[in-house]
Amino acid sequence: MKELIEAVREFHRKHDLKARGGEEMLHRMNLIMEEVGEISQCLTKGKPRRELIEEHADLLILLIGNAIALDFDLEEAFWKKIGRIMERDSRMVDGTVRVTET
């Protein structure tokens, strides 16, 4: 994980995202929504698997970038969250499994 974070950090430095508005969270949220839309298009339009994989990588890069922009430890946040959700029960909702707080 540390290598992924450092690679994205280098991308931010290379393009000076902090000074040029690229770390502004509303901008980043729009980029995330765009990527989620592209993932949806891959699924609904039957695009090749390689495109679906690439869109997921784009989304991961943006999420890592959010941790950089907001200056928090993404790995630590992940382990805290996964620990909490592993304690949850699952339930079926409209024919699919959900693991949410009740």
PDB file of N, CA and C in Angstrom:
ATOM      1  N   MET A   1       0.827  -1.194   0.000  1.00  0.00           N
ATOM      2  CA  MET A   1       0.000   0.000   0.000  1.00  0.00           C
ATOM      3  C   MET A   1       0.870   1.256   0.000  1.00  0.00           C
ATOM      4  N   LYS A   2       1.954   1.212   0.726  1.00  0.00           N
ATOM      5  CA  LYS A   2       2.829   2.388   0.809  1.00  0.00           C
ATOM      6  C   LYS A   2       3.383   2.769  -0.562  1.00  0.00           C
ATOM      7  N   GLU A   3       3.671   1.770  -1.401  1.00  0.00           N
ATOM      8  CA  GLU A   3       4.171   2.056  -2.751  1.00  0.00           C
ATOM      9  C   GLU A   3       3.097   2.728  -3.601  1.00  0.00           C
ATOM     10  N   LEU A   4       1.848   2.283  -3.453  1.00  0.00           N
ATOM     11  CA  LEU A   4       0.747   2.906  -4.194  1.00  0.00           C
ATOM     12  C   LEU A   4       0.590   4.371  -3.778  1.00  0.00           C
ATOM     13  N   ILE A   5       0.621   4.599  -2.477  1.00  0.00           N
ATOM     14  CA  ILE A   5       0.462   5.966  -1.967  1.00  0.00           C
ATOM     15  C   ILE A   5       1.597   6.853  -2.455  1.00  0.00           C
ATOM     16  N   GLU A   6       2.818   6.342  -2.410  1.00  0.00           N
ATOM     17  CA  GLU A   6       3.959   7.154  -2.851  1.00  0.00           C
ATOM     18  C   GLU A   6       3.877   7.451  -4.348  1.00  0.00           C
ATOM     19  N   ALA A   7       3.405   6.501  -5.147  1.00  0.00           N
ATOM     20  CA  ALA A   7       3.255   6.738  -6.588  1.00  0.00           C
ATOM     21  C   ALA A   7       2.239   7.853  -6.845  1.00  0.00           C
ATOM     22  N   VAL A   8       1.120   7.842  -6.130  1.00  0.00           N
ATOM     23  CA  VAL A   8       0.105   8.889  -6.304  1.00  0.00           C
ATOM     24  C   VAL A   8       0.629  10.214  -5.759  1.00  0.00           C
ATOM     25  N   ARG A   9       1.366  10.166  -4.646  1.00  0.00           N
ATOM     26  CA  ARG A   9       1.967  11.389  -4.100  1.00  0.00           C
ATOM     27  C   ARG A   9       2.902  12.015  -5.135  1.00  0.00           C
ATOM     28  N   GLU A  10       3.677  11.195  -5.823  1.00  0.00           N
ATOM     29  CA  GLU A  10       4.587  11.691  -6.858  1.00  0.00           C
ATOM     30  C   GLU A  10       3.798  12.325  -8.014  1.00  0.00           C
ATOM     31  N   PHE A  11       2.674  11.730  -8.388  1.00  0.00           N
ATOM     32  CA  PHE A  11       1.796  12.295  -9.414  1.00  0.00           C
ATOM     33  C   PHE A  11       1.321  13.688  -8.985  1.00  0.00           C
ATOM     34  N   HIS A  12       0.917  13.819  -7.719  1.00  0.00           N
ATOM     35  CA  HIS A  12       0.465  15.120  -7.201  1.00  0.00           C
ATOM     36  C   HIS A  12       1.599  16.142  -7.259  1.00  0.00           C
ATOM     37  N   ARG A  13       2.807  15.721  -6.888  1.00  0.00           N
ATOM     38  CA  ARG A  13       3.953  16.640  -6.936  1.00  0.00           C
ATOM     39  C   ARG A  13       4.283  17.023  -8.382  1.00  0.00           C
ATOM     40  N   LYS A  14       4.309  16.036  -9.245  1.00  0.00           N
ATOM     41  CA  LYS A  14       4.668  16.282 -10.644  1.00  0.00           C
ATOM     42  C   LYS A  14       3.778  17.345 -11.273  1.00  0.00           C
ATOM     43  N   HIS A  15       2.490  17.282 -10.979  1.00  0.00           N
ATOM     44  CA  HIS A  15       1.528  18.209 -11.582  1.00  0.00           C
ATOM     45  C   HIS A  15       1.151  19.357 -10.648  1.00  0.00           C
ATOM     46  N   ASP A  16       1.837  19.463  -9.512  1.00  0.00           N
ATOM     47  CA  ASP A  16       1.625  20.531  -8.539  1.00  0.00           C
ATOM     48  C   ASP A  16       0.138  20.703  -8.229  1.00  0.00           C
ATOM     49  N   LEU A  17      -0.521  19.575  -7.960  1.00  0.00           N
ATOM     50  CA  LEU A  17      -1.970  19.605  -7.758  1.00  0.00           C
ATOM     51  C   LEU A  17      -2.386  20.474  -6.583  1.00  0.00           C
ATOM     52  N   LYS A  18      -1.603  20.470  -5.519  1.00  0.00           N
ATOM     53  CA  LYS A  18      -1.973  21.261  -4.341  1.00  0.00           C
ATOM     54  C   LYS A  18      -2.079  22.751  -4.683  1.00  0.00           C
ATOM     55  N   ALA A  19      -1.091  23.282  -5.392  1.00  0.00           N
ATOM     56  CA  ALA A  19      -1.059  24.712  -5.723  1.00  0.00           C
ATOM     57  C   ALA A  19      -2.018  25.069  -6.863  1.00  0.00           C
ATOM     58  N   ARG A  20      -2.394  24.070  -7.668  1.00  0.00           N
ATOM     59  CA  ARG A  20      -3.184  24.362  -8.860  1.00  0.00           C
ATOM     60  C   ARG A  20      -4.646  23.931  -8.757  1.00  0.00           C
ATOM     61  N   GLY A  21      -5.119  23.672  -7.535  1.00  0.00           N
ATOM     62  CA  GLY A  21      -6.534  23.350  -7.336  1.00  0.00           C
ATOM     63  C   GLY A  21      -6.896  21.889  -7.485  1.00  0.00           C
ATOM     64  N   GLY A  22      -5.916  21.065  -7.784  1.00  0.00           N
ATOM     65  CA  GLY A  22      -6.201  19.646  -7.997  1.00  0.00           C
ATOM     66  C   GLY A  22      -6.460  18.856  -6.733  1.00  0.00           C
ATOM     67  N   GLU A  23      -6.238  19.476  -5.577  1.00  0.00           N
ATOM     68  CA  GLU A  23      -6.535  18.805  -4.316  1.00  0.00           C
ATOM     69  C   GLU A  23      -7.774  19.379  -3.645  1.00  0.00           C
ATOM     70  N   GLU A  24      -8.484  20.262  -4.337  1.00  0.00           N
ATOM     71  CA  GLU A  24      -9.721  20.834  -3.816  1.00  0.00           C
ATOM     72  C   GLU A  24     -10.786  19.727  -3.830  1.00  0.00           C
ATOM     73  N   MET A  25     -11.446  19.518  -2.704  1.00  0.00           N
ATOM     74  CA  MET A  25     -12.280  18.327  -2.539  1.00  0.00           C
ATOM     75  C   MET A  25     -13.536  18.305  -3.405  1.00  0.00           C
ATOM     76  N   LEU A  26     -14.165  19.423  -3.670  1.00  0.00           N
ATOM     77  CA  LEU A  26     -15.340  19.388  -4.556  1.00  0.00           C
ATOM     78  C   LEU A  26     -14.926  18.989  -5.973  1.00  0.00           C
ATOM     79  N   HIS A  27     -13.790  19.488  -6.421  1.00  0.00           N
ATOM     80  CA  HIS A  27     -13.243  19.087  -7.718  1.00  0.00           C
ATOM     81  C   HIS A  27     -12.980  17.585  -7.732  1.00  0.00           C
ATOM     82  N   ARG A  28     -12.358  17.097  -6.680  1.00  0.00           N
ATOM     83  CA  ARG A  28     -12.027  15.679  -6.601  1.00  0.00           C
ATOM     84  C   ARG A  28     -13.298  14.824  -6.545  1.00  0.00           C
ATOM     85  N   MET A  29     -14.318  15.309  -5.839  1.00  0.00           N
ATOM     86  CA  MET A  29     -15.575  14.567  -5.766  1.00  0.00           C
ATOM     87  C   MET A  29     -16.205  14.440  -7.146  1.00  0.00           C
ATOM     88  N   ASN A  30     -16.129  15.505  -7.937  1.00  0.00           N
ATOM     89  CA  ASN A  30     -16.645  15.443  -9.308  1.00  0.00           C
ATOM     90  C   ASN A  30     -15.879  14.409 -10.130  1.00  0.00           C
ATOM     91  N   LEU A  31     -14.560  14.353  -9.949  1.00  0.00           N
ATOM     92  CA  LEU A  31     -13.771  13.354 -10.666  1.00  0.00           C
ATOM     93  C   LEU A  31     -14.153  11.936 -10.252  1.00  0.00           C
ATOM     94  N   ILE A  32     -14.385  11.748  -8.962  1.00  0.00           N
ATOM     95  CA  ILE A  32     -14.796  10.428  -8.468  1.00  0.00           C
ATOM     96  C   ILE A  32     -16.138  10.031  -9.068  1.00  0.00           C
ATOM     97  N   MET A  33     -17.085  10.957  -9.086  1.00  0.00           N
ATOM     98  CA  MET A  33     -18.397  10.657  -9.664  1.00  0.00           C
ATOM     99  C   MET A  33     -18.269  10.322 -11.153  1.00  0.00           C
ATOM    100  N   GLU A  34     -17.382  11.028 -11.841  1.00  0.00           N
ATOM    101  CA  GLU A  34     -17.139  10.740 -13.254  1.00  0.00           C
ATOM    102  C   GLU A  34     -16.624   9.316 -13.430  1.00  0.00           C
ATOM    103  N   GLU A  35     -15.679   8.916 -12.590  1.00  0.00           N
ATOM    104  CA  GLU A  35     -15.124   7.562 -12.692  1.00  0.00           C
ATOM    105  C   GLU A  35     -16.168   6.503 -12.360  1.00  0.00           C
ATOM    106  N   VAL A  36     -16.985   6.748 -11.344  1.00  0.00           N
ATOM    107  CA  VAL A  36     -18.051   5.798 -11.011  1.00  0.00           C
ATOM    108  C   VAL A  36     -19.019   5.678 -12.187  1.00  0.00           C
ATOM    109  N   GLY A  37     -19.306   6.795 -12.834  1.00  0.00           N
ATOM    110  CA  GLY A  37     -20.155   6.763 -14.027  1.00  0.00           C
ATOM    111  C   GLY A  37     -19.524   5.949 -15.144  1.00  0.00           C
ATOM    112  N   GLU A  38     -18.226   6.063 -15.306  1.00  0.00           N
ATOM    113  CA  GLU A  38     -17.535   5.288 -16.339  1.00  0.00           C
ATOM    114  C   GLU A  38     -17.544   3.799 -16.013  1.00  0.00           C
ATOM    115  N   ILE A  39     -17.437   3.453 -14.732  1.00  0.00           N
ATOM    116  CA  ILE A  39     -17.558   2.049 -14.327  1.00  0.00           C
ATOM    117  C   ILE A  39     -18.962   1.541 -14.664  1.00  0.00           C
ATOM    118  N   SER A  40     -19.965   2.350 -14.360  1.00  0.00           N
ATOM    119  CA  SER A  40     -21.346   1.980 -14.663  1.00  0.00           C
ATOM    120  C   SER A  40     -21.544   1.774 -16.158  1.00  0.00           C
ATOM    121  N   GLN A  41     -20.959   2.653 -16.961  1.00  0.00           N
ATOM    122  CA  GLN A  41     -21.066   2.498 -18.413  1.00  0.00           C
ATOM    123  C   GLN A  41     -20.415   1.197 -18.889  1.00  0.00           C
ATOM    124  N   CYS A  42     -19.300   0.857 -18.307  1.00  0.00           N
ATOM    125  CA  CYS A  42     -18.648  -0.401 -18.677  1.00  0.00           C
ATOM    126  C   CYS A  42     -19.584  -1.580 -18.440  1.00  0.00           C
ATOM    127  N   LEU A  43     -20.285  -1.540 -17.323  1.00  0.00           N
ATOM    128  CA  LEU A  43     -21.177  -2.638 -16.971  1.00  0.00           C
ATOM    129  C   LEU A  43     -22.443  -2.636 -17.811  1.00  0.00           C
ATOM    130  N   THR A  44     -23.055  -1.470 -17.974  1.00  0.00           N
ATOM    131  CA  THR A  44     -24.340  -1.411 -18.674  1.00  0.00           C
ATOM    132  C   THR A  44     -24.196  -1.524 -20.181  1.00  0.00           C
ATOM    133  N   LYS A  45     -23.051  -1.136 -20.716  1.00  0.00           N
ATOM    134  CA  LYS A  45     -22.851  -1.186 -22.164  1.00  0.00           C
ATOM    135  C   LYS A  45     -22.003  -2.368 -22.603  1.00  0.00           C
ATOM    136  N   GLY A  46     -21.652  -3.226 -21.648  1.00  0.00           N
ATOM    137  CA  GLY A  46     -20.901  -4.429 -21.985  1.00  0.00           C
ATOM    138  C   GLY A  46     -19.513  -4.152 -22.546  1.00  0.00           C
ATOM    139  N   LYS A  47     -18.863  -3.114 -22.045  1.00  0.00           N
ATOM    140  CA  LYS A  47     -17.523  -2.783 -22.535  1.00  0.00           C
ATOM    141  C   LYS A  47     -16.532  -3.867 -22.098  1.00  0.00           C
ATOM    142  N   PRO A  48     -15.390  -3.943 -22.773  1.00  0.00           N
ATOM    143  CA  PRO A  48     -14.406  -4.983 -22.440  1.00  0.00           C
ATOM    144  C   PRO A  48     -13.938  -4.897 -20.986  1.00  0.00           C
ATOM    145  N   ARG A  49     -13.599  -6.050 -20.431  1.00  0.00           N
ATOM    146  CA  ARG A  49     -13.151  -6.160 -19.043  1.00  0.00           C
ATOM    147  C   ARG A  49     -11.951  -5.261 -18.770  1.00  0.00           C
ATOM    148  N   ARG A  50     -11.043  -5.123 -19.734  1.00  0.00           N
ATOM    149  CA  ARG A  50      -9.853  -4.283 -19.537  1.00  0.00           C
ATOM    150  C   ARG A  50     -10.238  -2.833 -19.261  1.00  0.00           C
ATOM    151  N   GLU A  51     -11.323  -2.354 -19.877  1.00  0.00           N
ATOM    152  CA  GLU A  51     -11.796  -0.988 -19.610  1.00  0.00           C
ATOM    153  C   GLU A  51     -12.368  -0.884 -18.199  1.00  0.00           C
ATOM    154  N   LEU A  52     -13.111  -1.890 -17.772  1.00  0.00           N
ATOM    155  CA  LEU A  52     -13.654  -1.914 -16.420  1.00  0.00           C
ATOM    156  C   LEU A  52     -12.524  -1.896 -15.388  1.00  0.00           C
ATOM    157  N   ILE A  53     -11.498  -2.665 -15.640  1.00  0.00           N
ATOM    158  CA  ILE A  53     -10.344  -2.717 -14.743  1.00  0.00           C
ATOM    159  C   ILE A  53      -9.651  -1.360 -14.696  1.00  0.00           C
ATOM    160  N   GLU A  54      -9.461  -0.741 -15.844  1.00  0.00           N
ATOM    161  CA  GLU A  54      -8.799   0.566 -15.898  1.00  0.00           C
ATOM    162  C   GLU A  54      -9.587   1.631 -15.139  1.00  0.00           C
ATOM    163  N   GLU A  55     -10.901   1.601 -15.252  1.00  0.00           N
ATOM    164  CA  GLU A  55     -11.728   2.583 -14.541  1.00  0.00           C
ATOM    165  C   GLU A  55     -11.634   2.374 -13.028  1.00  0.00           C
ATOM    166  N   HIS A  56     -11.545   1.123 -12.604  1.00  0.00           N
ATOM    167  CA  HIS A  56     -11.348   0.861 -11.176  1.00  0.00           C
ATOM    168  C   HIS A  56      -9.993   1.392 -10.705  1.00  0.00           C
ATOM    169  N   ALA A  57      -8.975   1.237 -11.526  1.00  0.00           N
ATOM    170  CA  ALA A  57      -7.655   1.782 -11.171  1.00  0.00           C
ATOM    171  C   ALA A  57      -7.721   3.306 -11.065  1.00  0.00           C
ATOM    172  N   ASP A  58      -8.423   3.953 -11.985  1.00  0.00           N
ATOM    173  CA  ASP A  58      -8.596   5.413 -11.914  1.00  0.00           C
ATOM    174  C   ASP A  58      -9.254   5.808 -10.588  1.00  0.00           C
ATOM    175  N   LEU A  59     -10.288   5.068 -10.204  1.00  0.00           N
ATOM    176  CA  LEU A  59     -10.993   5.366  -8.964  1.00  0.00           C
ATOM    177  C   LEU A  59     -10.073   5.182  -7.755  1.00  0.00           C
ATOM    178  N   LEU A  60      -9.281   4.128  -7.751  1.00  0.00           N
ATOM    179  CA  LEU A  60      -8.340   3.900  -6.655  1.00  0.00           C
ATOM    180  C   LEU A  60      -7.325   5.032  -6.559  1.00  0.00           C
ATOM    181  N   ILE A  61      -6.822   5.476  -7.690  1.00  0.00           N
ATOM    182  CA  ILE A  61      -5.865   6.595  -7.708  1.00  0.00           C
ATOM    183  C   ILE A  61      -6.494   7.846  -7.104  1.00  0.00           C
ATOM    184  N   LEU A  62      -7.744   8.106  -7.455  1.00  0.00           N
ATOM    185  CA  LEU A  62      -8.429   9.274  -6.894  1.00  0.00           C
ATOM    186  C   LEU A  62      -8.644   9.131  -5.389  1.00  0.00           C
ATOM    187  N   LEU A  63      -9.018   7.945  -4.929  1.00  0.00           N
ATOM    188  CA  LEU A  63      -9.233   7.745  -3.497  1.00  0.00           C
ATOM    189  C   LEU A  63      -7.932   7.896  -2.712  1.00  0.00           C
ATOM    190  N   ILE A  64      -6.856   7.370  -3.242  1.00  0.00           N
ATOM    191  CA  ILE A  64      -5.552   7.561  -2.607  1.00  0.00           C
ATOM    192  C   ILE A  64      -5.203   9.041  -2.608  1.00  0.00           C
ATOM    193  N   GLY A  65      -5.483   9.724  -3.706  1.00  0.00           N
ATOM    194  CA  GLY A  65      -5.233  11.163  -3.795  1.00  0.00           C
ATOM    195  C   GLY A  65      -6.023  11.958  -2.773  1.00  0.00           C
ATOM    196  N   ASN A  66      -7.239  11.494  -2.457  1.00  0.00           N
ATOM    197  CA  ASN A  66      -8.016  12.163  -1.414  1.00  0.00           C
ATOM    198  C   ASN A  66      -7.301  12.071  -0.071  1.00  0.00           C
ATOM    199  N   ALA A  67      -6.749  10.918   0.225  1.00  0.00           N
ATOM    200  CA  ALA A  67      -6.014  10.758   1.488  1.00  0.00           C
ATOM    201  C   ALA A  67      -4.812  11.695   1.522  1.00  0.00           C
ATOM    202  N   ILE A  68      -4.157  11.850   0.390  1.00  0.00           N
ATOM    203  CA  ILE A  68      -3.022  12.772   0.312  1.00  0.00           C
ATOM    204  C   ILE A  68      -3.498  14.211   0.507  1.00  0.00           C
ATOM    205  N   ALA A  69      -4.556  14.580  -0.211  1.00  0.00           N
ATOM    206  CA  ALA A  69      -5.070  15.955  -0.135  1.00  0.00           C
ATOM    207  C   ALA A  69      -5.573  16.291   1.263  1.00  0.00           C
ATOM    208  N   LEU A  70      -6.197  15.341   1.925  1.00  0.00           N
ATOM    209  CA  LEU A  70      -6.746  15.574   3.258  1.00  0.00           C
ATOM    210  C   LEU A  70      -5.757  15.233   4.367  1.00  0.00           C
ATOM    211  N   ASP A  71      -4.604  14.712   3.969  1.00  0.00           N
ATOM    212  CA  ASP A  71      -3.518  14.388   4.895  1.00  0.00           C
ATOM    213  C   ASP A  71      -3.963  13.428   6.000  1.00  0.00           C
ATOM    214  N   PHE A  72      -4.442  12.249   5.571  1.00  0.00           N
ATOM    215  CA  PHE A  72      -4.739  11.213   6.555  1.00  0.00           C
ATOM    216  C   PHE A  72      -4.145   9.890   6.082  1.00  0.00           C
ATOM    217  N   ASP A  73      -3.983   8.987   7.027  1.00  0.00           N
ATOM    218  CA  ASP A  73      -3.391   7.680   6.761  1.00  0.00           C
ATOM    219  C   ASP A  73      -4.478   6.742   6.251  1.00  0.00           C
ATOM    220  N   LEU A  74      -4.507   6.522   4.952  1.00  0.00           N
ATOM    221  CA  LEU A  74      -5.540   5.702   4.334  1.00  0.00           C
ATOM    222  C   LEU A  74      -5.465   4.255   4.803  1.00  0.00           C
ATOM    223  N   GLU A  75      -4.267   3.737   4.956  1.00  0.00           N
ATOM    224  CA  GLU A  75      -4.125   2.352   5.399  1.00  0.00           C
ATOM    225  C   GLU A  75      -4.695   2.176   6.813  1.00  0.00           C
ATOM    226  N   GLU A  76      -4.394   3.102   7.685  1.00  0.00           N
ATOM    227  CA  GLU A  76      -4.939   3.051   9.046  1.00  0.00           C
ATOM    228  C   GLU A  76      -6.466   3.143   9.022  1.00  0.00           C
ATOM    229  N   ALA A  77      -6.986   4.058   8.224  1.00  0.00           N
ATOM    230  CA  ALA A  77      -8.442   4.220   8.111  1.00  0.00           C
ATOM    231  C   ALA A  77      -9.085   2.936   7.578  1.00  0.00           C
ATOM    232  N   PHE A  78      -8.417   2.306   6.602  1.00  0.00           N
ATOM    233  CA  PHE A  78      -8.925   1.049   6.047  1.00  0.00           C
ATOM    234  C   PHE A  78      -9.048  -0.019   7.129  1.00  0.00           C
ATOM    235  N   TRP A  79      -7.974  -0.212   7.897  1.00  0.00           N
ATOM    236  CA  TRP A  79      -7.977  -1.286   8.899  1.00  0.00           C
ATOM    237  C   TRP A  79      -9.001  -1.027  10.001  1.00  0.00           C
ATOM    238  N   LYS A  80      -9.194   0.228  10.373  1.00  0.00           N
ATOM    239  CA  LYS A  80     -10.225   0.548  11.362  1.00  0.00           C
ATOM    240  C   LYS A  80     -11.609   0.213  10.817  1.00  0.00           C
ATOM    241  N   LYS A  81     -11.850   0.617   9.573  1.00  0.00           N
ATOM    242  CA  LYS A  81     -13.175   0.404   8.976  1.00  0.00           C
ATOM    243  C   LYS A  81     -13.448  -1.073   8.723  1.00  0.00           C
ATOM    244  N   ILE A  82     -12.477  -1.800   8.182  1.00  0.00           N
ATOM    245  CA  ILE A  82     -12.708  -3.214   7.884  1.00  0.00           C
ATOM    246  C   ILE A  82     -12.951  -3.991   9.179  1.00  0.00           C
ATOM    247  N   GLY A  83     -12.277  -3.586  10.254  1.00  0.00           N
ATOM    248  CA  GLY A  83     -12.522  -4.212  11.545  1.00  0.00           C
ATOM    249  C   GLY A  83     -13.955  -4.031  12.005  1.00  0.00           C
ATOM    250  N   ARG A  84     -14.492  -2.832  11.797  1.00  0.00           N
ATOM    251  CA  ARG A  84     -15.884  -2.567  12.186  1.00  0.00           C
ATOM    252  C   ARG A  84     -16.870  -3.322  11.300  1.00  0.00           C
ATOM    253  N   ILE A  85     -16.643  -3.324   9.994  1.00  0.00           N
ATOM    254  CA  ILE A  85     -17.643  -3.969   9.128  1.00  0.00           C
ATOM    255  C   ILE A  85     -17.569  -5.491   9.198  1.00  0.00           C
ATOM    256  N   MET A  86     -16.439  -6.038   9.607  1.00  0.00           N
ATOM    257  CA  MET A  86     -16.340  -7.492   9.781  1.00  0.00           C
ATOM    258  C   MET A  86     -17.210  -7.962  10.949  1.00  0.00           C
ATOM    259  N   GLU A  87     -17.545  -7.071  11.851  1.00  0.00           N
ATOM    260  CA  GLU A  87     -18.391  -7.410  12.996  1.00  0.00           C
ATOM    261  C   GLU A  87     -19.880  -7.383  12.647  1.00  0.00           C
ATOM    262  N   ARG A  88     -20.229  -6.835  11.496  1.00  0.00           N
ATOM    263  CA  ARG A  88     -21.635  -6.692  11.115  1.00  0.00           C
ATOM    264  C   ARG A  88     -22.204  -8.006  10.584  1.00  0.00           C
ATOM    265  N   ASP A  89     -23.506  -8.140  10.739  1.00  0.00           N
ATOM    266  CA  ASP A  89     -24.224  -9.241  10.117  1.00  0.00           C
ATOM    267  C   ASP A  89     -24.639  -8.822   8.712  1.00  0.00           C
ATOM    268  N   SER A  90     -24.835  -9.796   7.860  1.00  0.00           N
ATOM    269  CA  SER A  90     -25.342  -9.498   6.515  1.00  0.00           C
ATOM    270  C   SER A  90     -26.829  -9.818   6.465  1.00  0.00           C
ATOM    271  N   ARG A  91     -27.495  -9.198   5.486  1.00  0.00           N
ATOM    272  CA  ARG A  91     -28.917  -9.462   5.279  1.00  0.00           C
ATOM    273  C   ARG A  91     -29.216  -9.317   3.803  1.00  0.00           C
ATOM    274  N   MET A  92     -30.286  -9.917   3.373  1.00  0.00           N
ATOM    275  CA  MET A  92     -30.714  -9.835   1.982  1.00  0.00           C
ATOM    276  C   MET A  92     -31.700  -8.686   1.835  1.00  0.00           C
ATOM    277  N   VAL A  93     -31.459  -7.841   0.835  1.00  0.00           N
ATOM    278  CA  VAL A  93     -32.350  -6.726   0.529  1.00  0.00           C
ATOM    279  C   VAL A  93     -32.578  -6.744  -0.973  1.00  0.00           C
ATOM    280  N   ASP A  94     -33.822  -6.915  -1.376  1.00  0.00           N
ATOM    281  CA  ASP A  94     -34.180  -6.940  -2.797  1.00  0.00           C
ATOM    282  C   ASP A  94     -33.316  -7.912  -3.588  1.00  0.00           C
ATOM    283  N   GLY A  95     -33.046  -9.070  -3.006  1.00  0.00           N
ATOM    284  CA  GLY A  95     -32.350 -10.130  -3.720  1.00  0.00           C
ATOM    285  C   GLY A  95     -30.831 -10.028  -3.728  1.00  0.00           C
ATOM    286  N   THR A  96     -30.253  -9.042  -3.014  1.00  0.00           N
ATOM    287  CA  THR A  96     -28.799  -8.946  -2.937  1.00  0.00           C
ATOM    288  C   THR A  96     -28.365  -8.801  -1.478  1.00  0.00           C
ATOM    289  N   VAL A  97     -27.170  -9.224  -1.202  1.00  0.00           N
ATOM    290  CA  VAL A  97     -26.680  -9.172   0.164  1.00  0.00           C
ATOM    291  C   VAL A  97     -26.251  -7.746   0.513  1.00  0.00           C
ATOM    292  N   ARG A  98     -26.550  -7.321   1.730  1.00  0.00           N
ATOM    293  CA  ARG A  98     -26.134  -6.007   2.249  1.00  0.00           C
ATOM    294  C   ARG A  98     -25.459  -6.238   3.587  1.00  0.00           C
ATOM    295  N   VAL A  99     -24.382  -5.514   3.822  1.00  0.00           N
ATOM    296  CA  VAL A  99     -23.680  -5.550   5.106  1.00  0.00           C
ATOM    297  C   VAL A  99     -23.594  -4.109   5.573  1.00  0.00           C
ATOM    298  N   THR A 100     -24.630  -3.689   6.301  1.00  0.00           N
ATOM    299  CA  THR A 100     -24.724  -2.300   6.746  1.00  0.00           C
ATOM    300  C   THR A 100     -25.107  -2.267   8.218  1.00  0.00           C
ATOM    301  N   GLU A 101     -24.879  -1.123   8.826  1.00  0.00           N
ATOM    302  CA  GLU A 101     -25.366  -0.942  10.186  1.00  0.00           C
ATOM    303  C   GLU A 101     -26.874  -0.872  10.138  1.00  0.00           C
ATOM    304  N   THR A 102     -27.509  -1.440  11.130  1.00  0.00           N
ATOM    305  CA  THR A 102     -28.979  -1.407  11.145  1.00  0.00           C
ATOM    306  C   THR A 102     -29.485  -0.265  11.975  1.00  0.00           C
TER     307      THR A 102
END
